[in-house]
Structures are given as structure tokens and as C-alpha cells.
């Protein structure tokens, strides 16, 4: 009863503000990454962003009296952070060198579909429902539509083709890392875990950054005001405010409602990329986005409907 009351009595203005941060802030980080890449190489950008955000969040957690997780949990938390943030978000940073931010956002819209395919514990639940299967098929038809529209070929623009594959793998790794974090026990508060995840991803990102000599193409003294602003935006709004809003919303609203950010973010990213970065939007891209989001909506709402039905039967 108390849980229901909490979900009902949450201040409406805070709920609206939190949803706005998820919809707009997370959707706008694609553009912020594109701007930051003008002066900061990709792996170095990911490292700077996650290390600064992680240290800030860790410091705040310590001030609030939260304990650092024990050593046996640090490895689990750190690995999930590397999978989700380094491979997931880091791949986004890398591919935006070669493909439009809006196109990258459309590919990332497939992430909820990867959750269904990778969550082995829920396979019986997922694959016995014709609507979920239909949603998966529709979603991946959207991916094929997007690929076909860009005439991907390793004999043509090779880096564009590679970027599409890397982005799909990044979405795959985000889902895999999230499921690993969900099913692998680890001690620590939510905020502390997030801080360690970000720091782990940031320090791992330094390895390819230095291995490829990115430090030789970076000078803090020569960063433009726009790039500094984009970096600060990614650290404070993208990695801190957006994440905190997400965690809070999960405690006061149903997961299916909170998860609607996955439908809105690509639309925001495509629109901002067109409006500010003047990225072209083709009819095939729009069609792919609509198809993918339709598939994701069918999957998510079918899952929620089944859960509500089963809970009702149990209550009876």
C-alpha cells in the first residue's frame, strides 16, 4: 500500500521536471557529443566525462555518509560500468566521428529489443507472447531499413559501415551490462554504484586513448567555449542530473512509463541534429525511426500488460 501511495503522491512538478530531463537532456547529449568532438578525441572525451562525473558523484555520496562498497563488489560494479558506459556510450562517442548523431540515436533505439533477446531468465515469458515476437521483428525491420537507406558497403565509405556495426554492438553491450548488473549481487548504494561504474569506464577509456595517441591531438588551452560548454553539459546534465532523475522516477512511477524515454530520445536527437548541426534527415531515416520505435512500444507495452494480468491473477 505504501509503495502505491508513494507513486501517487510524488509532487507532480518534480515528476514533470524529471521526465523532461530524461526526454530532453538525454536526447540532447547526442548533439553535445558531436560538438565536444570538434576539439576532444573520442576516447579521451569519454574518459574525461566519466572520470569527472564519477569523482563528483562519489564525493557527494561520501559526504552523505555512504560507504564505499567492499573489494569483492568493486569488480562486479566496475565490470558492469565498463560494459554499459565504455562499450555502450563509448561506442556512441566514437561513431559520431563518422555518422550523423541522429542516425546513431536511431540505432540506439534498438536497445530495449536487445534486452528481450539477452535476458535468458525471461525467455520463456518473452518468446511465448506473439506480440513481443512481432515487436522484435518490426524493430529489426527498422534496422534493416536504416541500413539499406545508407547503402552500407565495405567497398564504399568503409568507416560508415564499420560505425553502424559498432553502434549496434554498443547497444548490445549496454543491454548485456545492464542485465549483468541486475542479476549479479553487489553491495553498495545506487549512487555509489553509479559513481564507481563511471570511474571504471573512464579509466578504461584512457587505455585506447593513449594507445592511439589521442593525447597528442588534445590541448585544454585550445578548447573553444562551445566545446567546454558541451563537455560541462555532458558531465553535469547528461551523467549526473539525467541519471539521478532516472533513478528517482523508477521509485515513483511504473518502469514502463519511465522507459518511454527510449521512444523520445531518438526523436529529440534527430531533431536537434537537423536544427543545430544541420544534419540531413531523409525519408528513409524517418521511416526507420518510426518502425523501430513502433516495435519497441509493442514489446514494452505487451510485457507490462502481461505483468499486470499475472499480478491481478495472483491477487485474486
C-alpha atoms as a PDB file:
ATOM      1  CA  UNK A   1       0.000   0.000   0.000  1.00  0.00           C
ATOM      2  CA  UNK A   2       2.778   2.434   0.894  1.00  0.00           C
ATOM      3  CA  UNK A   3       4.513   1.838  -2.415  1.00  0.00           C
ATOM      4  CA  UNK A   4       1.352   2.704  -4.266  1.00  0.00           C
ATOM      5  CA  UNK A   5       0.907   5.846  -2.221  1.00  0.00           C
ATOM      6  CA  UNK A   6       4.471   6.942  -2.939  1.00  0.00           C
ATOM      7  CA  UNK A   7       3.858   6.538  -6.647  1.00  0.00           C
ATOM      8  CA  UNK A   8       0.635   8.509  -6.368  1.00  0.00           C
ATOM      9  CA  UNK A   9       1.757  11.273  -4.010  1.00  0.00           C
ATOM     10  CA  UNK A  10       5.023  12.276  -5.699  1.00  0.00           C
ATOM     11  CA  UNK A  11       4.938  16.037  -6.424  1.00  0.00           C
ATOM     12  CA  UNK A  12       3.648  16.460  -9.960  1.00  0.00           C
ATOM     13  CA  UNK A  13       6.016  19.322 -10.732  1.00  0.00           C
ATOM     14  CA  UNK A  14       9.021  17.188  -9.792  1.00  0.00           C
ATOM     15  CA  UNK A  15       7.727  14.295 -11.867  1.00  0.00           C
ATOM     16  CA  UNK A  16       7.305  16.572 -14.896  1.00  0.00           C
ATOM     17  CA  UNK A  17      10.774  18.075 -14.393  1.00  0.00           C
ATOM     18  CA  UNK A  18      12.351  14.615 -14.077  1.00  0.00           C
ATOM     19  CA  UNK A  19      10.650  13.336 -17.231  1.00  0.00           C
ATOM     20  CA  UNK A  20      11.716  16.486 -19.067  1.00  0.00           C
ATOM     21  CA  UNK A  21      15.318  15.855 -18.047  1.00  0.00           C
ATOM     22  CA  UNK A  22      15.159  12.307 -19.392  1.00  0.00           C
ATOM     23  CA  UNK A  23      13.412  13.238 -22.613  1.00  0.00           C
ATOM     24  CA  UNK A  24      15.312  16.412 -23.437  1.00  0.00           C
ATOM     25  CA  UNK A  25      18.672  16.091 -21.657  1.00  0.00           C
ATOM     26  CA  UNK A  26      19.396  12.502 -22.654  1.00  0.00           C
ATOM     27  CA  UNK A  27      18.110  13.190 -26.138  1.00  0.00           C
ATOM     28  CA  UNK A  28      20.348  16.262 -26.437  1.00  0.00           C
ATOM     29  CA  UNK A  29      23.561  14.527 -25.344  1.00  0.00           C
ATOM     30  CA  UNK A  30      23.996  13.230 -28.894  1.00  0.00           C
ATOM     31  CA  UNK A  31      24.406  16.788 -30.111  1.00  0.00           C
ATOM     32  CA  UNK A  32      26.636  17.700 -27.147  1.00  0.00           C
ATOM     33  CA  UNK A  33      28.948  14.811 -28.029  1.00  0.00           C
ATOM     34  CA  UNK A  34      29.078  15.991 -31.641  1.00  0.00           C
ATOM     35  CA  UNK A  35      30.128  19.479 -30.516  1.00  0.00           C
ATOM     36  CA  UNK A  36      32.698  18.216 -27.993  1.00  0.00           C
ATOM     37  CA  UNK A  37      34.327  16.027 -30.654  1.00  0.00           C
ATOM     38  CA  UNK A  38      35.435  19.151 -32.512  1.00  0.00           C
ATOM     39  CA  UNK A  39      38.324  19.630 -30.055  1.00  0.00           C
ATOM     40  CA  UNK A  40      38.446  16.450 -27.983  1.00  0.00           C
ATOM     41  CA  UNK A  41      39.257  12.979 -29.440  1.00  0.00           C
ATOM     42  CA  UNK A  42      36.559  10.337 -28.765  1.00  0.00           C
ATOM     43  CA  UNK A  43      38.135   8.053 -26.157  1.00  0.00           C
ATOM     44  CA  UNK A  44      39.644  10.990 -24.314  1.00  0.00           C
ATOM     45  CA  UNK A  45      36.239  12.674 -24.309  1.00  0.00           C
ATOM     46  CA  UNK A  46      34.618   9.582 -22.792  1.00  0.00           C
ATOM     47  CA  UNK A  47      37.398   9.323 -20.196  1.00  0.00           C
ATOM     48  CA  UNK A  48      37.186  12.964 -19.137  1.00  0.00           C
ATOM     49  CA  UNK A  49      33.400  12.907 -18.957  1.00  0.00           C
ATOM     50  CA  UNK A  50      33.070   9.747 -16.898  1.00  0.00           C
ATOM     51  CA  UNK A  51      36.012  10.327 -14.570  1.00  0.00           C
ATOM     52  CA  UNK A  52      34.889  13.845 -13.638  1.00  0.00           C
ATOM     53  CA  UNK A  53      31.239  12.809 -13.216  1.00  0.00           C
ATOM     54  CA  UNK A  54      32.217   9.692 -11.289  1.00  0.00           C
ATOM     55  CA  UNK A  55      34.505  11.554  -8.894  1.00  0.00           C
ATOM     56  CA  UNK A  56      31.852  14.237  -8.316  1.00  0.00           C
ATOM     57  CA  UNK A  57      29.159  11.659  -7.573  1.00  0.00           C
ATOM     58  CA  UNK A  58      31.475   9.582  -5.377  1.00  0.00           C
ATOM     59  CA  UNK A  59      32.420  12.670  -3.353  1.00  0.00           C
ATOM     60  CA  UNK A  60      28.759  13.590  -2.907  1.00  0.00           C
ATOM     61  CA  UNK A  61      27.934  10.038  -1.764  1.00  0.00           C
ATOM     62  CA  UNK A  62      30.755  10.082   0.769  1.00  0.00           C
ATOM     63  CA  UNK A  63      29.614  13.457   2.108  1.00  0.00           C
ATOM     64  CA  UNK A  64      26.147  11.937   2.534  1.00  0.00           C
ATOM     65  CA  UNK A  65      27.722   9.181   4.629  1.00  0.00           C
ATOM     66  CA  UNK A  66      27.502   6.367   2.091  1.00  0.00           C
ATOM     67  CA  UNK A  67      30.179   3.694   2.363  1.00  0.00           C
ATOM     68  CA  UNK A  68      32.482   2.575  -0.430  1.00  0.00           C
ATOM     69  CA  UNK A  69      31.452  -0.976  -1.454  1.00  0.00           C
ATOM     70  CA  UNK A  70      33.730  -3.797  -0.268  1.00  0.00           C
ATOM     71  CA  UNK A  71      36.514  -5.003  -2.550  1.00  0.00           C
ATOM     72  CA  UNK A  72      34.615  -8.121  -3.633  1.00  0.00           C
ATOM     73  CA  UNK A  73      31.818  -5.932  -5.006  1.00  0.00           C
ATOM     74  CA  UNK A  74      34.041  -3.370  -6.730  1.00  0.00           C
ATOM     75  CA  UNK A  75      34.961  -5.792  -9.526  1.00  0.00           C
ATOM     76  CA  UNK A  76      31.336  -6.593 -10.287  1.00  0.00           C
ATOM     77  CA  UNK A  77      30.278  -2.950 -10.238  1.00  0.00           C
ATOM     78  CA  UNK A  78      33.294  -1.851 -12.273  1.00  0.00           C
ATOM     79  CA  UNK A  79      32.725  -4.522 -14.931  1.00  0.00           C
ATOM     80  CA  UNK A  80      29.094  -3.505 -15.362  1.00  0.00           C
ATOM     81  CA  UNK A  81      30.229   0.102 -15.769  1.00  0.00           C
ATOM     82  CA  UNK A  82      32.749  -0.855 -18.432  1.00  0.00           C
ATOM     83  CA  UNK A  83      30.123  -2.820 -20.370  1.00  0.00           C
ATOM     84  CA  UNK A  84      27.407  -0.172 -20.097  1.00  0.00           C
ATOM     85  CA  UNK A  85      29.358   3.071 -20.289  1.00  0.00           C
ATOM     86  CA  UNK A  86      32.656   2.315 -22.012  1.00  0.00           C
ATOM     87  CA  UNK A  87      31.351  -0.092 -24.636  1.00  0.00           C
ATOM     88  CA  UNK A  88      27.792   1.281 -24.724  1.00  0.00           C
ATOM     89  CA  UNK A  89      28.187   5.045 -24.506  1.00  0.00           C
ATOM     90  CA  UNK A  90      31.839   4.999 -25.600  1.00  0.00           C
ATOM     91  CA  UNK A  91      30.871   3.412 -28.903  1.00  0.00           C
ATOM     92  CA  UNK A  92      28.406   6.263 -29.457  1.00  0.00           C
ATOM     93  CA  UNK A  93      31.172   8.825 -28.954  1.00  0.00           C
ATOM     94  CA  UNK A  94      33.438   7.015 -31.418  1.00  0.00           C
ATOM     95  CA  UNK A  95      30.852   6.544 -34.192  1.00  0.00           C
ATOM     96  CA  UNK A  96      29.745  10.175 -34.140  1.00  0.00           C
ATOM     97  CA  UNK A  97      33.025  10.922 -35.902  1.00  0.00           C
ATOM     98  CA  UNK A  98      31.658   9.172 -38.980  1.00  0.00           C
ATOM     99  CA  UNK A  99      27.846   9.109 -38.890  1.00  0.00           C
ATOM    100  CA  UNK A 100      25.210  11.698 -38.016  1.00  0.00           C
ATOM    101  CA  UNK A 101      24.185  11.937 -34.365  1.00  0.00           C
ATOM    102  CA  UNK A 102      20.563  11.387 -35.380  1.00  0.00           C
ATOM    103  CA  UNK A 103      21.415   8.167 -37.201  1.00  0.00           C
ATOM    104  CA  UNK A 104      23.341   6.933 -34.150  1.00  0.00           C
ATOM    105  CA  UNK A 105      20.309   7.714 -31.975  1.00  0.00           C
ATOM    106  CA  UNK A 106      18.050   5.699 -34.269  1.00  0.00           C
ATOM    107  CA  UNK A 107      20.324   2.659 -33.918  1.00  0.00           C
ATOM    108  CA  UNK A 108      20.425   3.055 -30.129  1.00  0.00           C
ATOM    109  CA  UNK A 109      16.627   2.955 -30.135  1.00  0.00           C
ATOM    110  CA  UNK A 110      17.007  -0.803 -30.630  1.00  0.00           C
ATOM    111  CA  UNK A 111      18.458  -1.239 -27.103  1.00  0.00           C
ATOM    112  CA  UNK A 112      15.141  -2.348 -25.484  1.00  0.00           C
ATOM    113  CA  UNK A 113      14.949  -5.097 -28.124  1.00  0.00           C
ATOM    114  CA  UNK A 114      18.384  -6.384 -27.105  1.00  0.00           C
ATOM    115  CA  UNK A 115      17.130  -6.585 -23.509  1.00  0.00           C
ATOM    116  CA  UNK A 116      14.430  -9.015 -24.621  1.00  0.00           C
ATOM    117  CA  UNK A 117      16.840 -11.158 -26.625  1.00  0.00           C
ATOM    118  CA  UNK A 118      19.577 -11.292 -23.973  1.00  0.00           C
ATOM    119  CA  UNK A 119      17.512 -11.755 -20.809  1.00  0.00           C
ATOM    120  CA  UNK A 120      17.732 -15.560 -20.732  1.00  0.00           C
ATOM    121  CA  UNK A 121      15.822 -15.787 -17.461  1.00  0.00           C
ATOM    122  CA  UNK A 122      12.802 -14.246 -19.182  1.00  0.00           C
ATOM    123  CA  UNK A 123      12.970 -16.146 -22.478  1.00  0.00           C
ATOM    124  CA  UNK A 124      10.017 -18.372 -21.650  1.00  0.00           C
ATOM    125  CA  UNK A 125       7.989 -15.294 -20.753  1.00  0.00           C
ATOM    126  CA  UNK A 126       9.093 -13.275 -23.794  1.00  0.00           C
ATOM    127  CA  UNK A 127       9.029 -15.868 -26.548  1.00  0.00           C
ATOM    128  CA  UNK A 128       5.640 -17.316 -25.672  1.00  0.00           C
ATOM    129  CA  UNK A 129       3.991 -13.987 -26.490  1.00  0.00           C
ATOM    130  CA  UNK A 130       3.206 -13.319 -30.116  1.00  0.00           C
ATOM    131  CA  UNK A 131       3.073  -9.554 -29.631  1.00  0.00           C
ATOM    132  CA  UNK A 132       6.575  -9.411 -28.162  1.00  0.00           C
ATOM    133  CA  UNK A 133       7.866 -11.528 -31.045  1.00  0.00           C
ATOM    134  CA  UNK A 134       6.080  -9.266 -33.506  1.00  0.00           C
ATOM    135  CA  UNK A 135       7.592  -6.200 -31.849  1.00  0.00           C
ATOM    136  CA  UNK A 136      11.095  -7.695 -32.139  1.00  0.00           C
ATOM    137  CA  UNK A 137      10.622  -8.451 -35.811  1.00  0.00           C
ATOM    138  CA  UNK A 138       9.232  -4.986 -36.513  1.00  0.00           C
ATOM    139  CA  UNK A 139      12.111  -3.340 -34.672  1.00  0.00           C
ATOM    140  CA  UNK A 140      14.786  -5.158 -36.594  1.00  0.00           C
ATOM    141  CA  UNK A 141      12.988  -4.493 -39.866  1.00  0.00           C
ATOM    142  CA  UNK A 142      13.516  -0.851 -38.950  1.00  0.00           C
ATOM    143  CA  UNK A 143      17.245  -1.505 -38.529  1.00  0.00           C
ATOM    144  CA  UNK A 144      17.400  -3.147 -41.964  1.00  0.00           C
ATOM    145  CA  UNK A 145      15.517  -0.176 -43.396  1.00  0.00           C
ATOM    146  CA  UNK A 146      18.093   2.197 -41.944  1.00  0.00           C
ATOM    147  CA  UNK A 147      20.996   0.098 -43.198  1.00  0.00           C
ATOM    148  CA  UNK A 148      19.546  -0.217 -46.686  1.00  0.00           C
ATOM    149  CA  UNK A 149      18.944   3.505 -46.841  1.00  0.00           C
ATOM    150  CA  UNK A 150      22.600   4.268 -46.290  1.00  0.00           C
ATOM    151  CA  UNK A 151      23.861   1.815 -48.912  1.00  0.00           C
ATOM    152  CA  UNK A 152      26.321   0.290 -46.469  1.00  0.00           C
ATOM    153  CA  UNK A 153      29.271  -1.331 -48.147  1.00  0.00           C
ATOM    154  CA  UNK A 154      32.814  -2.059 -47.099  1.00  0.00           C
ATOM    155  CA  UNK A 155      33.904  -1.137 -50.598  1.00  0.00           C
ATOM    156  CA  UNK A 156      32.411   2.355 -50.325  1.00  0.00           C
ATOM    157  CA  UNK A 157      32.586   4.519 -47.224  1.00  0.00           C
ATOM    158  CA  UNK A 158      34.203   1.883 -45.052  1.00  0.00           C
ATOM    159  CA  UNK A 159      34.113   3.839 -41.795  1.00  0.00           C
ATOM    160  CA  UNK A 160      30.384   4.499 -42.103  1.00  0.00           C
ATOM    161  CA  UNK A 161      29.755   0.779 -42.483  1.00  0.00           C
ATOM    162  CA  UNK A 162      32.004  -0.029 -39.532  1.00  0.00           C
ATOM    163  CA  UNK A 163      30.303   2.666 -37.444  1.00  0.00           C
ATOM    164  CA  UNK A 164      26.870   1.119 -37.980  1.00  0.00           C
ATOM    165  CA  UNK A 165      28.144  -2.246 -36.776  1.00  0.00           C
ATOM    166  CA  UNK A 166      29.993  -0.698 -33.809  1.00  0.00           C
ATOM    167  CA  UNK A 167      26.852   1.171 -32.762  1.00  0.00           C
ATOM    168  CA  UNK A 168      24.761  -1.987 -32.882  1.00  0.00           C
ATOM    169  CA  UNK A 169      27.381  -3.775 -30.791  1.00  0.00           C
ATOM    170  CA  UNK A 170      27.391  -0.831 -28.386  1.00  0.00           C
ATOM    171  CA  UNK A 171      23.622  -1.124 -27.915  1.00  0.00           C
ATOM    172  CA  UNK A 172      24.085  -4.848 -27.394  1.00  0.00           C
ATOM    173  CA  UNK A 173      26.755  -4.254 -24.736  1.00  0.00           C
ATOM    174  CA  UNK A 174      24.622  -1.651 -22.925  1.00  0.00           C
ATOM    175  CA  UNK A 175      21.844  -4.229 -22.575  1.00  0.00           C
ATOM    176  CA  UNK A 176      24.280  -7.010 -21.624  1.00  0.00           C
ATOM    177  CA  UNK A 177      25.956  -4.840 -18.985  1.00  0.00           C
ATOM    178  CA  UNK A 178      22.634  -3.722 -17.550  1.00  0.00           C
ATOM    179  CA  UNK A 179      21.445  -7.318 -17.219  1.00  0.00           C
ATOM    180  CA  UNK A 180      24.760  -8.317 -15.663  1.00  0.00           C
ATOM    181  CA  UNK A 181      24.369  -5.550 -13.097  1.00  0.00           C
ATOM    182  CA  UNK A 182      20.774  -6.578 -12.451  1.00  0.00           C
ATOM    183  CA  UNK A 183      21.436 -10.274 -11.856  1.00  0.00           C
ATOM    184  CA  UNK A 184      24.884 -10.167 -10.198  1.00  0.00           C
ATOM    185  CA  UNK A 185      24.723  -9.263  -6.496  1.00  0.00           C
ATOM    186  CA  UNK A 186      26.923  -6.380  -5.352  1.00  0.00           C
ATOM    187  CA  UNK A 187      26.907  -4.312  -2.187  1.00  0.00           C
ATOM    188  CA  UNK A 188      26.547  -0.551  -2.283  1.00  0.00           C
ATOM    189  CA  UNK A 189      24.004   2.227  -2.675  1.00  0.00           C
ATOM    190  CA  UNK A 190      22.657   3.113  -6.101  1.00  0.00           C
ATOM    191  CA  UNK A 191      24.584   6.388  -6.171  1.00  0.00           C
ATOM    192  CA  UNK A 192      27.833   4.767  -5.092  1.00  0.00           C
ATOM    193  CA  UNK A 193      27.482   2.029  -7.688  1.00  0.00           C
ATOM    194  CA  UNK A 194      26.868   4.628 -10.406  1.00  0.00           C
ATOM    195  CA  UNK A 195      29.937   6.593  -9.318  1.00  0.00           C
ATOM    196  CA  UNK A 196      32.159   3.520  -9.461  1.00  0.00           C
ATOM    197  CA  UNK A 197      30.694   2.492 -12.810  1.00  0.00           C
ATOM    198  CA  UNK A 198      31.523   5.889 -14.290  1.00  0.00           C
ATOM    199  CA  UNK A 199      35.043   5.975 -12.868  1.00  0.00           C
ATOM    200  CA  UNK A 200      35.756   2.430 -14.076  1.00  0.00           C
ATOM    201  CA  UNK A 201      34.529   3.249 -17.581  1.00  0.00           C
ATOM    202  CA  UNK A 202      36.505   6.495 -17.609  1.00  0.00           C
ATOM    203  CA  UNK A 203      39.809   4.908 -16.622  1.00  0.00           C
ATOM    204  CA  UNK A 204      39.341   2.059 -19.112  1.00  0.00           C
ATOM    205  CA  UNK A 205      38.692   4.657 -21.837  1.00  0.00           C
ATOM    206  CA  UNK A 206      42.159   6.074 -21.148  1.00  0.00           C
ATOM    207  CA  UNK A 207      43.726   2.857 -22.461  1.00  0.00           C
ATOM    208  CA  UNK A 208      42.608   3.204 -26.115  1.00  0.00           C
ATOM    209  CA  UNK A 209      43.002   6.981 -25.826  1.00  0.00           C
ATOM    210  CA  UNK A 210      46.717   6.731 -25.052  1.00  0.00           C
ATOM    211  CA  UNK A 211      47.214   3.640 -27.226  1.00  0.00           C
ATOM    212  CA  UNK A 212      46.065   5.610 -30.278  1.00  0.00           C
ATOM    213  CA  UNK A 213      47.928   8.768 -29.274  1.00  0.00           C
ATOM    214  CA  UNK A 214      44.857  10.904 -28.734  1.00  0.00           C
ATOM    215  CA  UNK A 215      46.719  12.958 -26.122  1.00  0.00           C
ATOM    216  CA  UNK A 216      48.847  14.409 -28.921  1.00  0.00           C
ATOM    217  CA  UNK A 217      45.720  15.813 -30.584  1.00  0.00           C
ATOM    218  CA  UNK A 218      44.308  17.436 -27.473  1.00  0.00           C
ATOM    219  CA  UNK A 219      45.101  20.730 -25.788  1.00  0.00           C
ATOM    220  CA  UNK A 220      42.986  22.028 -22.917  1.00  0.00           C
ATOM    221  CA  UNK A 221      44.278  25.531 -23.616  1.00  0.00           C
ATOM    222  CA  UNK A 222      42.842  25.489 -27.126  1.00  0.00           C
ATOM    223  CA  UNK A 223      39.331  24.279 -26.341  1.00  0.00           C
ATOM    224  CA  UNK A 224      36.654  26.548 -27.768  1.00  0.00           C
ATOM    225  CA  UNK A 225      33.932  27.898 -25.456  1.00  0.00           C
ATOM    226  CA  UNK A 226      31.377  25.752 -27.296  1.00  0.00           C
ATOM    227  CA  UNK A 227      33.371  22.587 -26.635  1.00  0.00           C
ATOM    228  CA  UNK A 228      33.902  23.455 -22.961  1.00  0.00           C
ATOM    229  CA  UNK A 229      30.185  24.083 -22.618  1.00  0.00           C
ATOM    230  CA  UNK A 230      29.337  20.781 -24.316  1.00  0.00           C
ATOM    231  CA  UNK A 231      31.715  18.893 -22.014  1.00  0.00           C
ATOM    232  CA  UNK A 232      30.283  20.512 -18.888  1.00  0.00           C
ATOM    233  CA  UNK A 233      26.794  19.722 -20.154  1.00  0.00           C
ATOM    234  CA  UNK A 234      27.688  16.052 -20.652  1.00  0.00           C
ATOM    235  CA  UNK A 235      29.200  15.808 -17.167  1.00  0.00           C
ATOM    236  CA  UNK A 236      26.575  17.678 -15.152  1.00  0.00           C
ATOM    237  CA  UNK A 237      23.350  17.229 -17.084  1.00  0.00           C
ATOM    238  CA  UNK A 238      23.952  14.031 -19.044  1.00  0.00           C
ATOM    239  CA  UNK A 239      25.833  11.944 -16.461  1.00  0.00           C
ATOM    240  CA  UNK A 240      24.530  13.390 -13.180  1.00  0.00           C
ATOM    241  CA  UNK A 241      21.138  15.119 -13.422  1.00  0.00           C
ATOM    242  CA  UNK A 242      19.775  12.749 -16.065  1.00  0.00           C
ATOM    243  CA  UNK A 243      20.836   9.659 -14.151  1.00  0.00           C
ATOM    244  CA  UNK A 244      19.520  10.901 -10.791  1.00  0.00           C
ATOM    245  CA  UNK A 245      16.189  11.765 -12.451  1.00  0.00           C
ATOM    246  CA  UNK A 246      16.025   8.287 -13.939  1.00  0.00           C
ATOM    247  CA  UNK A 247      16.652   6.544 -10.609  1.00  0.00           C
ATOM    248  CA  UNK A 248      14.122   8.737  -8.774  1.00  0.00           C
ATOM    249  CA  UNK A 249      11.428   8.219 -11.388  1.00  0.00           C
ATOM    250  CA  UNK A 250      11.810   4.455 -11.112  1.00  0.00           C
ATOM    251  CA  UNK A 251      10.860   4.786  -7.440  1.00  0.00           C
ATOM    252  CA  UNK A 252       7.697   6.831  -8.042  1.00  0.00           C
ATOM    253  CA  UNK A 253       6.411   5.757 -11.463  1.00  0.00           C
ATOM    254  CA  UNK A 254       5.973   2.394 -13.258  1.00  0.00           C
ATOM    255  CA  UNK A 255       9.062   1.202 -15.184  1.00  0.00           C
ATOM    256  CA  UNK A 256       7.062   1.040 -18.419  1.00  0.00           C
ATOM    257  CA  UNK A 257       6.266   4.748 -18.125  1.00  0.00           C
ATOM    258  CA  UNK A 258       9.827   5.710 -17.198  1.00  0.00           C
ATOM    259  CA  UNK A 259      11.080   3.622 -20.114  1.00  0.00           C
ATOM    260  CA  UNK A 260       9.275   5.860 -22.587  1.00  0.00           C
ATOM    261  CA  UNK A 261      12.484   7.917 -22.752  1.00  0.00           C
ATOM    262  CA  UNK A 262      13.695   5.241 -25.194  1.00  0.00           C
ATOM    263  CA  UNK A 263      10.988   6.357 -27.641  1.00  0.00           C
ATOM    264  CA  UNK A 264      11.554  10.081 -27.213  1.00  0.00           C
ATOM    265  CA  UNK A 265      15.356  10.383 -27.118  1.00  0.00           C
ATOM    266  CA  UNK A 266      15.921   9.413 -30.777  1.00  0.00           C
ATOM    267  CA  UNK A 267      13.287  11.897 -31.911  1.00  0.00           C
ATOM    268  CA  UNK A 268      14.919  14.685 -29.884  1.00  0.00           C
ATOM    269  CA  UNK A 269      18.377  13.713 -31.145  1.00  0.00           C
ATOM    270  CA  UNK A 270      17.305  13.637 -34.793  1.00  0.00           C
ATOM    271  CA  UNK A 271      15.507  16.982 -34.471  1.00  0.00           C
ATOM    272  CA  UNK A 272      18.406  18.756 -32.719  1.00  0.00           C
ATOM    273  CA  UNK A 273      20.915  17.285 -35.152  1.00  0.00           C
ATOM    274  CA  UNK A 274      18.860  18.710 -38.013  1.00  0.00           C
ATOM    275  CA  UNK A 275      18.125  22.062 -36.353  1.00  0.00           C
ATOM    276  CA  UNK A 276      21.534  22.925 -34.891  1.00  0.00           C
ATOM    277  CA  UNK A 277      24.120  20.727 -36.633  1.00  0.00           C
ATOM    278  CA  UNK A 278      22.275  20.838 -39.979  1.00  0.00           C
ATOM    279  CA  UNK A 279      22.372  17.070 -40.311  1.00  0.00           C
ATOM    280  CA  UNK A 280      20.182  15.899 -43.208  1.00  0.00           C
ATOM    281  CA  UNK A 281      17.051  13.899 -42.452  1.00  0.00           C
ATOM    282  CA  UNK A 282      15.922  11.561 -45.204  1.00  0.00           C
ATOM    283  CA  UNK A 283      12.565   9.914 -45.594  1.00  0.00           C
ATOM    284  CA  UNK A 284      14.136   6.504 -45.106  1.00  0.00           C
ATOM    285  CA  UNK A 285      15.684   7.613 -41.801  1.00  0.00           C
ATOM    286  CA  UNK A 286      12.331   8.844 -40.560  1.00  0.00           C
ATOM    287  CA  UNK A 287      10.682   5.604 -41.680  1.00  0.00           C
ATOM    288  CA  UNK A 288      13.351   3.537 -39.891  1.00  0.00           C
ATOM    289  CA  UNK A 289      12.875   5.560 -36.704  1.00  0.00           C
ATOM    290  CA  UNK A 290       9.090   5.120 -36.786  1.00  0.00           C
ATOM    291  CA  UNK A 291       9.385   1.373 -37.445  1.00  0.00           C
ATOM    292  CA  UNK A 292      11.940   0.797 -34.664  1.00  0.00           C
ATOM    293  CA  UNK A 293      10.012   2.820 -32.087  1.00  0.00           C
ATOM    294  CA  UNK A 294       6.784   1.015 -33.060  1.00  0.00           C
ATOM    295  CA  UNK A 295       8.487  -2.315 -32.411  1.00  0.00           C
ATOM    296  CA  UNK A 296       9.848  -1.154 -29.055  1.00  0.00           C
ATOM    297  CA  UNK A 297       6.446   0.182 -27.958  1.00  0.00           C
ATOM    298  CA  UNK A 298       4.749  -3.112 -28.857  1.00  0.00           C
ATOM    299  CA  UNK A 299       7.361  -5.080 -26.895  1.00  0.00           C
ATOM    300  CA  UNK A 300       7.293  -2.873 -23.791  1.00  0.00           C
ATOM    301  CA  UNK A 301       3.539  -2.490 -23.536  1.00  0.00           C
ATOM    302  CA  UNK A 302       2.971  -6.192 -24.185  1.00  0.00           C
ATOM    303  CA  UNK A 303       5.347  -7.034 -21.326  1.00  0.00           C
ATOM    304  CA  UNK A 304       3.621  -4.558 -18.993  1.00  0.00           C
ATOM    305  CA  UNK A 305       0.172  -5.873 -19.896  1.00  0.00           C
ATOM    306  CA  UNK A 306       1.190  -9.459 -19.128  1.00  0.00           C
ATOM    307  CA  UNK A 307       2.778  -8.467 -15.802  1.00  0.00           C
ATOM    308  CA  UNK A 308      -0.380  -6.590 -14.746  1.00  0.00           C
ATOM    309  CA  UNK A 309      -2.546  -9.553 -15.736  1.00  0.00           C
ATOM    310  CA  UNK A 310      -0.404 -12.006 -13.780  1.00  0.00           C
ATOM    311  CA  UNK A 311      -0.325  -9.750 -10.716  1.00  0.00           C
ATOM    312  CA  UNK A 312      -4.108  -9.458 -10.858  1.00  0.00           C
ATOM    313  CA  UNK A 313      -4.469 -13.236 -11.040  1.00  0.00           C
ATOM    314  CA  UNK A 314      -2.119 -13.674  -8.064  1.00  0.00           C
ATOM    315  CA  UNK A 315      -4.046 -11.114  -6.041  1.00  0.00           C
ATOM    316  CA  UNK A 316      -7.291 -12.928  -6.785  1.00  0.00           C
END
